[in-house]
Amino acid sequence: MKINHAILHILDFDSSVNVMSQRELDLDTRAVRSFVTSHLRRARTSADNKRASFAENSGFAGELKAFLFGDREFIDFSEQIAEFVAGELAKADKAESTDVLVADFEDDDEVRWFAILLMSSRMAFMHEVDREGGQVRNDIARHYAILPNPSQKVTSYCIVRASTMEVFYQDKKRKIAGEDTMLIPDGLLQCVTGVSGKEIIDTVTRIVEEVAEEHGANTAMALARAKEVVAEKVEEDEELAPWDLADEIFEDEPAMKERFEAEMREEQLPERVPVERANVERAAVRNHKIRTDTGIEITFPAEMLRNTEYVQFVNEPNGLISIELKNIGSIENR
């Protein structure tokens, strides 16, 4: 990852003092670079990211384009962003002290992004060393301006792909001026929002499980097939058409296919949604995990459950189920 610019502005509602930085972060400092890189990489690769596109009248889109084309200075633009966020948070029912991290970076594939991360400060206890009567006294003090750890998830942020102006974001509802507001997509960016690829995949797999269970089918087999089909579709063109999945998931079960399509209509899923390949590279999609009522847990590659040369479910005469694992060359203890 290459970070072109990064700056941190402080919005302190505990002391009612906002501190706008006039200099960029010193990325030559190892701790600073590690902190910023970790949060940017997490924001870039999160499977929970929702997609959005700028509205035609978005003022932010015009300002961002001016920066990307070199017509605006980074520090000045970042301060304008922080001032807007400060003004909105000041009107919130519960104003949280927040640090605003703004960055211009290139990911590992050399794709350029513009990022805004709202890092809510948290309270933590720290040790303090003082002197009293000529003697050293160690004490405990409460500090409020603690940034989230590099491994901690930031709940409000956005990243914009410079080449296409595609928006990816996560945010939470805030009560601002008495109304529930999504500060980043609605207020700051002025976007038309959509759903995340993960939400679509989760919805499809949930419906498949419900339909299979309703018709007395093997839910493990149905879910594994659904995950396999989803992964194949996304691998082809990073786009998923939920309505096209029924034919392949329930190719020999017309009643289940019809029920699946009815559930899709009820959920009002879009006809097509972009899904990054990273979303189907997750273990939760590539693999399928089952747990039996006897407490045994088994994880299978999703595509393997249909191959009876390796895995086979057998319905016993007594109504119980047996699982056969075949053609195993070796077993490794984990």
C-alpha atoms as a PDB file:
ATOM      1  CA  MET A   1       0.000   0.000   0.000  1.00  0.00           C
ATOM      2  CA  LYS A   2       1.201   3.482  -0.873  1.00  0.00           C
ATOM      3  CA  ILE A   3      -0.145   6.399   1.168  1.00  0.00           C
ATOM      4  CA  ASN A   4       0.113   9.652  -0.768  1.00  0.00           C
ATOM      5  CA  HIS A   5      -1.427  11.908   1.894  1.00  0.00           C
ATOM      6  CA  ALA A   6      -2.871  11.417   5.373  1.00  0.00           C
ATOM      7  CA  ILE A   7      -4.014  13.903   8.001  1.00  0.00           C
ATOM      8  CA  LEU A   8      -5.813  13.776  11.346  1.00  0.00           C
ATOM      9  CA  HIS A   9      -8.241  16.425  12.633  1.00  0.00           C
ATOM     10  CA  ILE A  10      -9.517  16.386  16.239  1.00  0.00           C
ATOM     11  CA  LEU A  11     -13.140  17.114  17.154  1.00  0.00           C
ATOM     12  CA  ASP A  12     -13.194  17.272  20.952  1.00  0.00           C
ATOM     13  CA  PHE A  13     -16.712  17.795  22.266  1.00  0.00           C
ATOM     14  CA  ASP A  14     -15.626  17.145  25.871  1.00  0.00           C
ATOM     15  CA  SER A  15     -13.525  20.309  25.943  1.00  0.00           C
ATOM     16  CA  SER A  16     -15.494  22.055  23.157  1.00  0.00           C
ATOM     17  CA  VAL A  17     -12.248  22.608  21.252  1.00  0.00           C
ATOM     18  CA  ASN A  18     -11.671  21.355  17.705  1.00  0.00           C
ATOM     19  CA  VAL A  19      -8.088  21.167  16.513  1.00  0.00           C
ATOM     20  CA  MET A  20      -7.582  21.242  12.754  1.00  0.00           C
ATOM     21  CA  SER A  21      -4.145  20.049  11.726  1.00  0.00           C
ATOM     22  CA  GLN A  22      -2.108  22.304   9.447  1.00  0.00           C
ATOM     23  CA  ARG A  23       0.386  19.570   8.613  1.00  0.00           C
ATOM     24  CA  GLU A  24       0.000  16.030   7.301  1.00  0.00           C
ATOM     25  CA  LEU A  25       0.820  12.991   9.421  1.00  0.00           C
ATOM     26  CA  ASP A  26       4.478  11.985   9.525  1.00  0.00           C
ATOM     27  CA  LEU A  27       4.297   8.698   7.659  1.00  0.00           C
ATOM     28  CA  ASP A  28       8.031   8.158   8.075  1.00  0.00           C
ATOM     29  CA  THR A  29       7.260   7.335  11.709  1.00  0.00           C
ATOM     30  CA  ARG A  30       6.771   3.591  11.869  1.00  0.00           C
ATOM     31  CA  ALA A  31       3.970   3.642  14.451  1.00  0.00           C
ATOM     32  CA  VAL A  32       1.994   6.265  12.521  1.00  0.00           C
ATOM     33  CA  ARG A  33       2.386   4.486   9.208  1.00  0.00           C
ATOM     34  CA  SER A  34       1.418   1.130  10.732  1.00  0.00           C
ATOM     35  CA  PHE A  35      -1.684   2.624  12.368  1.00  0.00           C
ATOM     36  CA  VAL A  36      -2.901   4.392   9.218  1.00  0.00           C
ATOM     37  CA  THR A  37      -2.094   1.467   6.910  1.00  0.00           C
ATOM     38  CA  SER A  38      -3.921  -1.034   9.120  1.00  0.00           C
ATOM     39  CA  HIS A  39      -7.121   1.006   9.213  1.00  0.00           C
ATOM     40  CA  LEU A  40      -7.053   1.818   5.498  1.00  0.00           C
ATOM     41  CA  ARG A  41      -6.492  -1.822   4.557  1.00  0.00           C
ATOM     42  CA  ARG A  42      -9.334  -2.937   6.826  1.00  0.00           C
ATOM     43  CA  ALA A  43     -11.664  -0.338   5.280  1.00  0.00           C
ATOM     44  CA  ARG A  44     -10.633  -1.308   1.765  1.00  0.00           C
ATOM     45  CA  THR A  45     -11.152  -5.047   2.185  1.00  0.00           C
ATOM     46  CA  SER A  46     -14.170  -5.256   4.511  1.00  0.00           C
ATOM     47  CA  ALA A  47     -16.872  -7.589   3.229  1.00  0.00           C
ATOM     48  CA  ASP A  48     -19.482  -5.465   5.023  1.00  0.00           C
ATOM     49  CA  ASN A  49     -18.900  -2.420   2.816  1.00  0.00           C
ATOM     50  CA  LYS A  50     -22.052  -1.020   1.236  1.00  0.00           C
ATOM     51  CA  ARG A  51     -21.930   0.480  -2.261  1.00  0.00           C
ATOM     52  CA  ALA A  52     -23.233   3.865  -3.267  1.00  0.00           C
ATOM     53  CA  SER A  53     -23.034   6.358  -6.106  1.00  0.00           C
ATOM     54  CA  PHE A  54     -22.900  10.145  -5.926  1.00  0.00           C
ATOM     55  CA  ALA A  55     -26.147  11.968  -6.580  1.00  0.00           C
ATOM     56  CA  GLU A  56     -26.085  14.262  -9.612  1.00  0.00           C
ATOM     57  CA  ASN A  57     -26.178  17.339  -7.394  1.00  0.00           C
ATOM     58  CA  SER A  58     -23.527  16.109  -4.921  1.00  0.00           C
ATOM     59  CA  GLY A  59     -21.313  19.011  -3.953  1.00  0.00           C
ATOM     60  CA  PHE A  60     -18.784  16.648  -2.391  1.00  0.00           C
ATOM     61  CA  ALA A  61     -18.255  14.819  -5.695  1.00  0.00           C
ATOM     62  CA  GLY A  62     -17.283  18.070  -7.397  1.00  0.00           C
ATOM     63  CA  GLU A  63     -14.849  19.001  -4.625  1.00  0.00           C
ATOM     64  CA  LEU A  64     -13.301  15.525  -4.688  1.00  0.00           C
ATOM     65  CA  LYS A  65     -12.810  15.649  -8.456  1.00  0.00           C
ATOM     66  CA  ALA A  66     -11.115  19.036  -8.080  1.00  0.00           C
ATOM     67  CA  PHE A  67      -8.670  17.506  -5.590  1.00  0.00           C
ATOM     68  CA  LEU A  68      -8.012  14.408  -7.686  1.00  0.00           C
ATOM     69  CA  PHE A  69      -7.239  16.600 -10.731  1.00  0.00           C
ATOM     70  CA  GLY A  70      -4.880  18.765  -8.702  1.00  0.00           C
ATOM     71  CA  ASP A  71      -7.115  21.830  -8.438  1.00  0.00           C
ATOM     72  CA  ARG A  72      -7.488  21.633  -4.649  1.00  0.00           C
ATOM     73  CA  GLU A  73      -4.937  21.256  -1.864  1.00  0.00           C
ATOM     74  CA  PHE A  74      -5.224  18.141   0.267  1.00  0.00           C
ATOM     75  CA  ILE A  75      -4.971  19.874   3.661  1.00  0.00           C
ATOM     76  CA  ASP A  76      -7.533  22.526   2.755  1.00  0.00           C
ATOM     77  CA  PHE A  77      -9.971  19.914   1.422  1.00  0.00           C
ATOM     78  CA  SER A  78      -9.525  17.671   4.479  1.00  0.00           C
ATOM     79  CA  GLU A  79     -10.187  20.612   6.816  1.00  0.00           C
ATOM     80  CA  GLN A  80     -13.405  21.414   4.943  1.00  0.00           C
ATOM     81  CA  ILE A  81     -14.500  17.802   5.463  1.00  0.00           C
ATOM     82  CA  ALA A  82     -13.680  17.905   9.186  1.00  0.00           C
ATOM     83  CA  GLU A  83     -15.513  21.227   9.620  1.00  0.00           C
ATOM     84  CA  PHE A  84     -18.653  19.742   8.060  1.00  0.00           C
ATOM     85  CA  VAL A  85     -18.478  16.649  10.273  1.00  0.00           C
ATOM     86  CA  ALA A  86     -17.939  18.845  13.344  1.00  0.00           C
ATOM     87  CA  GLY A  87     -20.975  20.958  12.512  1.00  0.00           C
ATOM     88  CA  GLU A  88     -23.190  17.895  12.097  1.00  0.00           C
ATOM     89  CA  LEU A  89     -21.952  16.094  15.213  1.00  0.00           C
ATOM     90  CA  ALA A  90     -22.447  19.275  17.259  1.00  0.00           C
ATOM     91  CA  LYS A  91     -26.175  19.011  16.449  1.00  0.00           C
ATOM     92  CA  ALA A  92     -26.362  15.358  17.523  1.00  0.00           C
ATOM     93  CA  ASP A  93     -28.317  14.361  20.617  1.00  0.00           C
ATOM     94  CA  LYS A  94     -25.130  12.740  21.876  1.00  0.00           C
ATOM     95  CA  ALA A  95     -22.024  14.443  20.487  1.00  0.00           C
ATOM     96  CA  GLU A  96     -19.109  11.988  20.513  1.00  0.00           C
ATOM     97  CA  SER A  97     -15.562  13.273  20.415  1.00  0.00           C
ATOM     98  CA  THR A  98     -14.201  12.067  17.084  1.00  0.00           C
ATOM     99  CA  ASP A  99     -10.941  12.142  15.188  1.00  0.00           C
ATOM    100  CA  VAL A 100     -11.291  12.542  11.420  1.00  0.00           C
ATOM    101  CA  LEU A 101      -8.654  10.674   9.419  1.00  0.00           C
ATOM    102  CA  VAL A 102      -8.506  11.704   5.752  1.00  0.00           C
ATOM    103  CA  ALA A 103      -6.215   9.891   3.325  1.00  0.00           C
ATOM    104  CA  ASP A 104      -5.301   9.576  -0.336  1.00  0.00           C
ATOM    105  CA  PHE A 105      -3.781   6.144  -0.979  1.00  0.00           C
ATOM    106  CA  GLU A 106      -3.145   3.352  -3.457  1.00  0.00           C
ATOM    107  CA  ASP A 107      -4.010  -0.215  -2.525  1.00  0.00           C
ATOM    108  CA  ASP A 108      -1.930  -3.320  -3.191  1.00  0.00           C
ATOM    109  CA  ASP A 109      -3.280  -3.440  -6.759  1.00  0.00           C
ATOM    110  CA  GLU A 110      -2.154   0.183  -7.361  1.00  0.00           C
ATOM    111  CA  VAL A 111      -5.753   1.434  -7.425  1.00  0.00           C
ATOM    112  CA  ARG A 112      -6.108   4.959  -6.048  1.00  0.00           C
ATOM    113  CA  TRP A 113      -8.625   5.689  -3.285  1.00  0.00           C
ATOM    114  CA  PHE A 114      -9.759   8.644  -1.185  1.00  0.00           C
ATOM    115  CA  ALA A 115     -10.727   7.738   2.386  1.00  0.00           C
ATOM    116  CA  ILE A 116     -12.490   9.419   5.297  1.00  0.00           C
ATOM    117  CA  LEU A 117     -12.579   7.575   8.632  1.00  0.00           C
ATOM    118  CA  LEU A 118     -14.487   8.850  11.678  1.00  0.00           C
ATOM    119  CA  MET A 119     -12.694   7.479  14.729  1.00  0.00           C
ATOM    120  CA  SER A 120     -14.762   7.907  17.870  1.00  0.00           C
ATOM    121  CA  SER A 121     -12.569   8.519  20.881  1.00  0.00           C
ATOM    122  CA  ARG A 122     -12.933   6.095  23.742  1.00  0.00           C
ATOM    123  CA  MET A 123     -12.180   6.259  27.422  1.00  0.00           C
ATOM    124  CA  ALA A 124      -9.357   4.198  28.892  1.00  0.00           C
ATOM    125  CA  PHE A 125      -7.395   3.986  32.126  1.00  0.00           C
ATOM    126  CA  MET A 126      -3.653   4.580  32.017  1.00  0.00           C
ATOM    127  CA  HIS A 127      -0.881   4.720  34.604  1.00  0.00           C
ATOM    128  CA  GLU A 128       0.705   8.033  35.553  1.00  0.00           C
ATOM    129  CA  VAL A 129       3.961   8.747  37.352  1.00  0.00           C
ATOM    130  CA  ASP A 130       4.104  11.740  39.693  1.00  0.00           C
ATOM    131  CA  ARG A 131       6.255  13.044  42.550  1.00  0.00           C
ATOM    132  CA  GLU A 132       4.903  13.848  45.966  1.00  0.00           C
ATOM    133  CA  GLY A 133       7.078  15.065  48.836  1.00  0.00           C
ATOM    134  CA  GLY A 134      10.224  14.078  46.938  1.00  0.00           C
ATOM    135  CA  GLN A 135       8.967  10.542  46.384  1.00  0.00           C
ATOM    136  CA  VAL A 136       7.752   8.832  43.230  1.00  0.00           C
ATOM    137  CA  ARG A 137       4.041   8.016  43.261  1.00  0.00           C
ATOM    138  CA  ASN A 138       2.416   5.840  40.608  1.00  0.00           C
ATOM    139  CA  ASP A 139      -1.239   6.546  39.992  1.00  0.00           C
ATOM    140  CA  ILE A 140      -4.134   5.659  37.714  1.00  0.00           C
ATOM    141  CA  ALA A 141      -5.800   8.275  35.529  1.00  0.00           C
ATOM    142  CA  ARG A 142      -8.699   8.272  33.110  1.00  0.00           C
ATOM    143  CA  HIS A 143      -8.011   9.422  29.534  1.00  0.00           C
ATOM    144  CA  TYR A 144     -10.690  10.137  26.967  1.00  0.00           C
ATOM    145  CA  ALA A 145      -8.895  10.790  23.666  1.00  0.00           C
ATOM    146  CA  ILE A 146      -7.916   7.187  22.905  1.00  0.00           C
ATOM    147  CA  LEU A 147      -7.917   6.160  19.239  1.00  0.00           C
ATOM    148  CA  PRO A 148      -9.183   2.730  18.135  1.00  0.00           C
ATOM    149  CA  ASN A 149      -6.540   0.018  17.957  1.00  0.00           C
ATOM    150  CA  PRO A 150      -5.235  -0.930  14.484  1.00  0.00           C
ATOM    151  CA  SER A 151      -7.085  -4.248  14.802  1.00  0.00           C
ATOM    152  CA  GLN A 152     -10.315  -2.580  15.910  1.00  0.00           C
ATOM    153  CA  LYS A 153     -13.152  -2.032  13.444  1.00  0.00           C
ATOM    154  CA  VAL A 154     -14.119   1.560  12.625  1.00  0.00           C
ATOM    155  CA  THR A 155     -17.901   1.839  12.292  1.00  0.00           C
ATOM    156  CA  SER A 156     -18.130   5.011  10.174  1.00  0.00           C
ATOM    157  CA  TYR A 157     -16.022   5.556   7.080  1.00  0.00           C
ATOM    158  CA  CYS A 158     -16.037   5.810   3.320  1.00  0.00           C
ATOM    159  CA  ILE A 159     -13.570   5.111   0.545  1.00  0.00           C
ATOM    160  CA  VAL A 160     -13.980   6.379  -3.023  1.00  0.00           C
ATOM    161  CA  ARG A 161     -12.302   4.774  -6.040  1.00  0.00           C
ATOM    162  CA  ALA A 162     -10.618   7.655  -7.865  1.00  0.00           C
ATOM    163  CA  SER A 163     -10.945   6.222 -11.381  1.00  0.00           C
ATOM    164  CA  THR A 164     -14.699   5.515 -11.272  1.00  0.00           C
ATOM    165  CA  MET A 165     -15.964   7.561  -8.278  1.00  0.00           C
ATOM    166  CA  GLU A 166     -17.519   4.387  -6.832  1.00  0.00           C
ATOM    167  CA  VAL A 167     -18.292   4.757  -3.151  1.00  0.00           C
ATOM    168  CA  PHE A 168     -17.915   2.075  -0.483  1.00  0.00           C
ATOM    169  CA  TYR A 169     -18.967   2.919   3.051  1.00  0.00           C
ATOM    170  CA  GLN A 170     -20.095   1.848   6.470  1.00  0.00           C
ATOM    171  CA  ASP A 171     -22.001   4.069   8.864  1.00  0.00           C
ATOM    172  CA  LYS A 172     -24.410   4.060  11.770  1.00  0.00           C
ATOM    173  CA  LYS A 173     -27.555   6.079  12.338  1.00  0.00           C
ATOM    174  CA  ARG A 174     -27.174   9.160  14.496  1.00  0.00           C
ATOM    175  CA  LYS A 175     -29.879  11.374  15.933  1.00  0.00           C
ATOM    176  CA  ILE A 176     -28.939  14.760  14.427  1.00  0.00           C
ATOM    177  CA  ALA A 177     -31.244  17.746  14.882  1.00  0.00           C
ATOM    178  CA  GLY A 178     -33.921  15.331  16.057  1.00  0.00           C
ATOM    179  CA  GLU A 179     -33.781  13.089  12.964  1.00  0.00           C
ATOM    180  CA  ASP A 180     -32.161   9.703  12.354  1.00  0.00           C
ATOM    181  CA  THR A 181     -29.341  10.456   9.935  1.00  0.00           C
ATOM    182  CA  MET A 182     -26.619   8.515   8.152  1.00  0.00           C
ATOM    183  CA  LEU A 183     -23.943  11.179   8.379  1.00  0.00           C
ATOM    184  CA  ILE A 184     -21.507   9.893   5.773  1.00  0.00           C
ATOM    185  CA  PRO A 185     -23.639   8.817   2.778  1.00  0.00           C
ATOM    186  CA  ASP A 186     -26.542  11.234   3.235  1.00  0.00           C
ATOM    187  CA  GLY A 187     -24.918  14.292   4.786  1.00  0.00           C
ATOM    188  CA  LEU A 188     -21.281  14.410   3.731  1.00  0.00           C
ATOM    189  CA  LEU A 189     -21.159  12.573   0.408  1.00  0.00           C
ATOM    190  CA  GLN A 190     -24.754  13.084  -0.786  1.00  0.00           C
ATOM    191  CA  CYS A 191     -25.082   9.600  -2.232  1.00  0.00           C
ATOM    192  CA  VAL A 192     -27.663   7.212  -3.562  1.00  0.00           C
ATOM    193  CA  THR A 193     -27.079   4.191  -1.355  1.00  0.00           C
ATOM    194  CA  GLY A 194     -27.273   0.483  -2.074  1.00  0.00           C
ATOM    195  CA  VAL A 195     -26.722  -2.820  -0.303  1.00  0.00           C
ATOM    196  CA  SER A 196     -23.474  -4.630   0.279  1.00  0.00           C
ATOM    197  CA  GLY A 197     -22.423  -7.761  -1.565  1.00  0.00           C
ATOM    198  CA  LYS A 198     -22.252  -9.548   1.775  1.00  0.00           C
ATOM    199  CA  GLU A 199     -25.869  -8.626   2.522  1.00  0.00           C
ATOM    200  CA  ILE A 200     -26.995 -10.103  -0.807  1.00  0.00           C
ATOM    201  CA  ILE A 201     -25.039 -13.309  -0.269  1.00  0.00           C
ATOM    202  CA  ASP A 202     -26.333 -13.657   3.297  1.00  0.00           C
ATOM    203  CA  THR A 203     -29.919 -13.096   2.146  1.00  0.00           C
ATOM    204  CA  VAL A 204     -29.661 -15.637  -0.683  1.00  0.00           C
ATOM    205  CA  THR A 205     -28.172 -18.325   1.556  1.00  0.00           C
ATOM    206  CA  ARG A 206     -30.781 -17.665   4.263  1.00  0.00           C
ATOM    207  CA  ILE A 207     -33.630 -18.061   1.767  1.00  0.00           C
ATOM    208  CA  VAL A 208     -32.089 -21.261   0.354  1.00  0.00           C
ATOM    209  CA  GLU A 209     -31.867 -22.766   3.835  1.00  0.00           C
ATOM    210  CA  GLU A 210     -35.467 -21.809   4.648  1.00  0.00           C
ATOM    211  CA  VAL A 211     -36.790 -23.244   1.372  1.00  0.00           C
ATOM    212  CA  ALA A 212     -34.822 -26.492   1.732  1.00  0.00           C
ATOM    213  CA  GLU A 213     -35.997 -26.971   5.303  1.00  0.00           C
ATOM    214  CA  GLU A 214     -39.609 -26.201   4.342  1.00  0.00           C
ATOM    215  CA  HIS A 215     -39.528 -28.917   1.653  1.00  0.00           C
ATOM    216  CA  GLY A 216     -37.724 -31.501   3.775  1.00  0.00           C
ATOM    217  CA  ALA A 217     -34.553 -31.355   1.677  1.00  0.00           C
ATOM    218  CA  ASN A 218     -30.986 -31.674   2.944  1.00  0.00           C
ATOM    219  CA  THR A 219     -30.186 -28.112   4.032  1.00  0.00           C
ATOM    220  CA  ALA A 220     -26.434 -28.753   4.095  1.00  0.00           C
ATOM    221  CA  MET A 221     -26.438 -29.861   0.468  1.00  0.00           C
ATOM    222  CA  ALA A 222     -28.665 -26.953  -0.599  1.00  0.00           C
ATOM    223  CA  LEU A 223     -26.542 -24.352   1.189  1.00  0.00           C
ATOM    224  CA  ALA A 224     -23.309 -25.783  -0.161  1.00  0.00           C
ATOM    225  CA  ARG A 225     -24.722 -25.668  -3.689  1.00  0.00           C
ATOM    226  CA  ALA A 226     -25.845 -22.069  -3.200  1.00  0.00           C
ATOM    227  CA  LYS A 227     -22.387 -21.018  -2.003  1.00  0.00           C
ATOM    228  CA  GLU A 228     -20.763 -22.849  -4.905  1.00  0.00           C
ATOM    229  CA  VAL A 229     -22.994 -21.115  -7.484  1.00  0.00           C
ATOM    230  CA  VAL A 230     -22.486 -17.675  -5.895  1.00  0.00           C
ATOM    231  CA  ALA A 231     -18.700 -18.094  -5.913  1.00  0.00           C
ATOM    232  CA  GLU A 232     -18.724 -19.188  -9.571  1.00  0.00           C
ATOM    233  CA  LYS A 233     -20.854 -16.214 -10.676  1.00  0.00           C
ATOM    234  CA  VAL A 234     -18.744 -13.640  -8.843  1.00  0.00           C
ATOM    235  CA  GLU A 235     -15.494 -15.152 -10.101  1.00  0.00           C
ATOM    236  CA  GLU A 236     -16.728 -14.625 -13.673  1.00  0.00           C
ATOM    237  CA  ASP A 237     -17.447 -10.889 -13.635  1.00  0.00           C
ATOM    238  CA  GLU A 238     -17.686  -9.585 -10.030  1.00  0.00           C
ATOM    239  CA  GLU A 239     -21.422  -9.229 -10.388  1.00  0.00           C
ATOM    240  CA  LEU A 240     -24.279 -11.222  -8.945  1.00  0.00           C
ATOM    241  CA  ALA A 241     -27.771 -11.564 -10.400  1.00  0.00           C
ATOM    242  CA  PRO A 242     -29.771 -13.140  -7.531  1.00  0.00           C
ATOM    243  CA  TRP A 243     -32.707 -13.973  -9.807  1.00  0.00           C
ATOM    244  CA  ASP A 244     -30.502 -16.122 -12.053  1.00  0.00           C
ATOM    245  CA  LEU A 245     -29.401 -18.381  -9.195  1.00  0.00           C
ATOM    246  CA  ALA A 246     -32.614 -20.387  -8.828  1.00  0.00           C
ATOM    247  CA  ASP A 247     -32.101 -22.411 -12.028  1.00  0.00           C
ATOM    248  CA  GLU A 248     -28.723 -23.715 -10.857  1.00  0.00           C
ATOM    249  CA  ILE A 249     -29.362 -24.118  -7.133  1.00  0.00           C
ATOM    250  CA  PHE A 250     -32.691 -25.928  -7.598  1.00  0.00           C
ATOM    251  CA  GLU A 251     -32.216 -27.284 -11.125  1.00  0.00           C
ATOM    252  CA  ASP A 252     -34.069 -30.547 -10.371  1.00  0.00           C
ATOM    253  CA  GLU A 253     -36.563 -29.170  -7.837  1.00  0.00           C
ATOM    254  CA  PRO A 254     -39.217 -26.993  -9.580  1.00  0.00           C
ATOM    255  CA  ALA A 255     -41.332 -26.572  -6.434  1.00  0.00           C
ATOM    256  CA  MET A 256     -38.351 -25.360  -4.416  1.00  0.00           C
ATOM    257  CA  LYS A 257     -37.281 -23.091  -7.257  1.00  0.00           C
ATOM    258  CA  GLU A 258     -40.722 -21.486  -7.363  1.00  0.00           C
ATOM    259  CA  ARG A 259     -40.704 -20.967  -3.589  1.00  0.00           C
ATOM    260  CA  PHE A 260     -37.203 -19.495  -3.722  1.00  0.00           C
ATOM    261  CA  GLU A 261     -38.267 -16.964  -6.378  1.00  0.00           C
ATOM    262  CA  ALA A 262     -41.330 -16.003  -4.335  1.00  0.00           C
ATOM    263  CA  GLU A 263     -39.116 -15.311  -1.307  1.00  0.00           C
ATOM    264  CA  MET A 264     -36.784 -13.247  -3.496  1.00  0.00           C
ATOM    265  CA  ARG A 265     -39.690 -11.093  -4.632  1.00  0.00           C
ATOM    266  CA  GLU A 266     -40.750 -10.580  -1.039  1.00  0.00           C
ATOM    267  CA  GLU A 267     -37.223  -9.501  -0.063  1.00  0.00           C
ATOM    268  CA  GLN A 268     -37.189  -7.091  -3.061  1.00  0.00           C
ATOM    269  CA  LEU A 269     -33.637  -7.997  -3.998  1.00  0.00           C
ATOM    270  CA  PRO A 270     -32.106  -6.012  -6.894  1.00  0.00           C
ATOM    271  CA  GLU A 271     -31.761  -7.640 -10.308  1.00  0.00           C
ATOM    272  CA  ARG A 272     -27.992  -7.239 -10.305  1.00  0.00           C
ATOM    273  CA  VAL A 273     -25.483  -6.128  -7.693  1.00  0.00           C
ATOM    274  CA  PRO A 274     -21.685  -5.718  -7.951  1.00  0.00           C
ATOM    275  CA  VAL A 275     -19.801  -8.061  -5.615  1.00  0.00           C
ATOM    276  CA  GLU A 276     -16.043  -7.975  -5.203  1.00  0.00           C
ATOM    277  CA  ARG A 277     -14.252 -11.304  -5.495  1.00  0.00           C
ATOM    278  CA  ALA A 278     -12.868 -10.747  -1.994  1.00  0.00           C
ATOM    279  CA  ASN A 279     -16.403 -11.279  -0.664  1.00  0.00           C
ATOM    280  CA  VAL A 280     -16.518 -14.857  -1.948  1.00  0.00           C
ATOM    281  CA  GLU A 281     -12.955 -15.628  -0.931  1.00  0.00           C
ATOM    282  CA  ARG A 282     -14.122 -15.564   2.671  1.00  0.00           C
ATOM    283  CA  ALA A 283     -14.156 -18.920   4.431  1.00  0.00           C
ATOM    284  CA  ALA A 284     -17.867 -18.484   5.175  1.00  0.00           C
ATOM    285  CA  VAL A 285     -18.619 -18.651   1.431  1.00  0.00           C
ATOM    286  CA  ARG A 286     -15.914 -21.001   0.183  1.00  0.00           C
ATOM    287  CA  ASN A 287     -16.572 -23.507   2.958  1.00  0.00           C
ATOM    288  CA  HIS A 288     -19.679 -24.921   4.571  1.00  0.00           C
ATOM    289  CA  LYS A 289     -19.729 -25.859   8.239  1.00  0.00           C
ATOM    290  CA  ILE A 290     -22.243 -28.197   9.836  1.00  0.00           C
ATOM    291  CA  ARG A 291     -22.838 -29.217  13.442  1.00  0.00           C
ATOM    292  CA  THR A 292     -24.690 -32.379  14.340  1.00  0.00           C
ATOM    293  CA  ASP A 293     -26.995 -32.858  17.331  1.00  0.00           C
ATOM    294  CA  THR A 294     -24.277 -35.120  18.748  1.00  0.00           C
ATOM    295  CA  GLY A 295     -21.877 -32.156  18.923  1.00  0.00           C
ATOM    296  CA  ILE A 296     -19.665 -33.082  15.958  1.00  0.00           C
ATOM    297  CA  GLU A 297     -18.577 -30.179  13.724  1.00  0.00           C
ATOM    298  CA  ILE A 298     -17.319 -30.670  10.154  1.00  0.00           C
ATOM    299  CA  THR A 299     -16.177 -28.061   7.617  1.00  0.00           C
ATOM    300  CA  PHE A 300     -16.324 -28.903   3.898  1.00  0.00           C
ATOM    301  CA  PRO A 301     -15.247 -26.980   0.794  1.00  0.00           C
ATOM    302  CA  ALA A 302     -18.680 -26.009  -0.589  1.00  0.00           C
ATOM    303  CA  GLU A 303     -18.129 -27.543  -4.027  1.00  0.00           C
ATOM    304  CA  MET A 304     -17.182 -30.920  -2.513  1.00  0.00           C
ATOM    305  CA  LEU A 305     -20.557 -31.692  -0.942  1.00  0.00           C
ATOM    306  CA  ARG A 306     -22.030 -32.635  -4.320  1.00  0.00           C
ATOM    307  CA  ASN A 307     -19.204 -35.037  -5.098  1.00  0.00           C
ATOM    308  CA  THR A 308     -20.173 -38.415  -3.652  1.00  0.00           C
ATOM    309  CA  GLU A 309     -16.631 -39.682  -4.227  1.00  0.00           C
ATOM    310  CA  TYR A 310     -15.585 -37.649  -1.201  1.00  0.00           C
ATOM    311  CA  VAL A 311     -18.684 -36.875   0.887  1.00  0.00           C
ATOM    312  CA  GLN A 312     -22.018 -38.644   0.994  1.00  0.00           C
ATOM    313  CA  PHE A 313     -25.107 -38.122   3.145  1.00  0.00           C
ATOM    314  CA  VAL A 314     -27.065 -41.321   3.728  1.00  0.00           C
ATOM    315  CA  ASN A 315     -30.661 -41.378   5.011  1.00  0.00           C
ATOM    316  CA  GLU A 316     -30.893 -44.444   7.237  1.00  0.00           C
ATOM    317  CA  PRO A 317     -34.090 -46.574   7.519  1.00  0.00           C
ATOM    318  CA  ASN A 318     -34.525 -45.437  11.135  1.00  0.00           C
ATOM    319  CA  GLY A 319     -34.797 -41.796  10.019  1.00  0.00           C
ATOM    320  CA  LEU A 320     -31.302 -40.809  11.118  1.00  0.00           C
ATOM    321  CA  ILE A 321     -28.551 -39.442   8.869  1.00  0.00           C
ATOM    322  CA  SER A 322     -25.073 -40.824   8.318  1.00  0.00           C
ATOM    323  CA  ILE A 323     -22.203 -38.882   6.758  1.00  0.00           C
ATOM    324  CA  GLU A 324     -19.525 -40.819   4.873  1.00  0.00           C
ATOM    325  CA  LEU A 325     -16.111 -39.256   4.185  1.00  0.00           C
ATOM    326  CA  LYS A 326     -14.332 -41.138   1.399  1.00  0.00           C
ATOM    327  CA  ASN A 327     -10.969 -41.379  -0.381  1.00  0.00           C
ATOM    328  CA  ILE A 328      -9.026 -39.730   2.441  1.00  0.00           C
ATOM    329  CA  GLY A 329      -5.279 -39.941   1.962  1.00  0.00           C
ATOM    330  CA  SER A 330      -4.238 -38.536   5.332  1.00  0.00           C
ATOM    331  CA  ILE A 331      -5.669 -36.861   8.415  1.00  0.00           C
ATOM    332  CA  GLU A 332      -4.104 -33.843  10.100  1.00  0.00           C
ATOM    333  CA  ASN A 333      -4.943 -32.931  13.685  1.00  0.00           C
ATOM    334  CA  ARG A 334      -5.876 -29.262  14.159  1.00  0.00           C
END
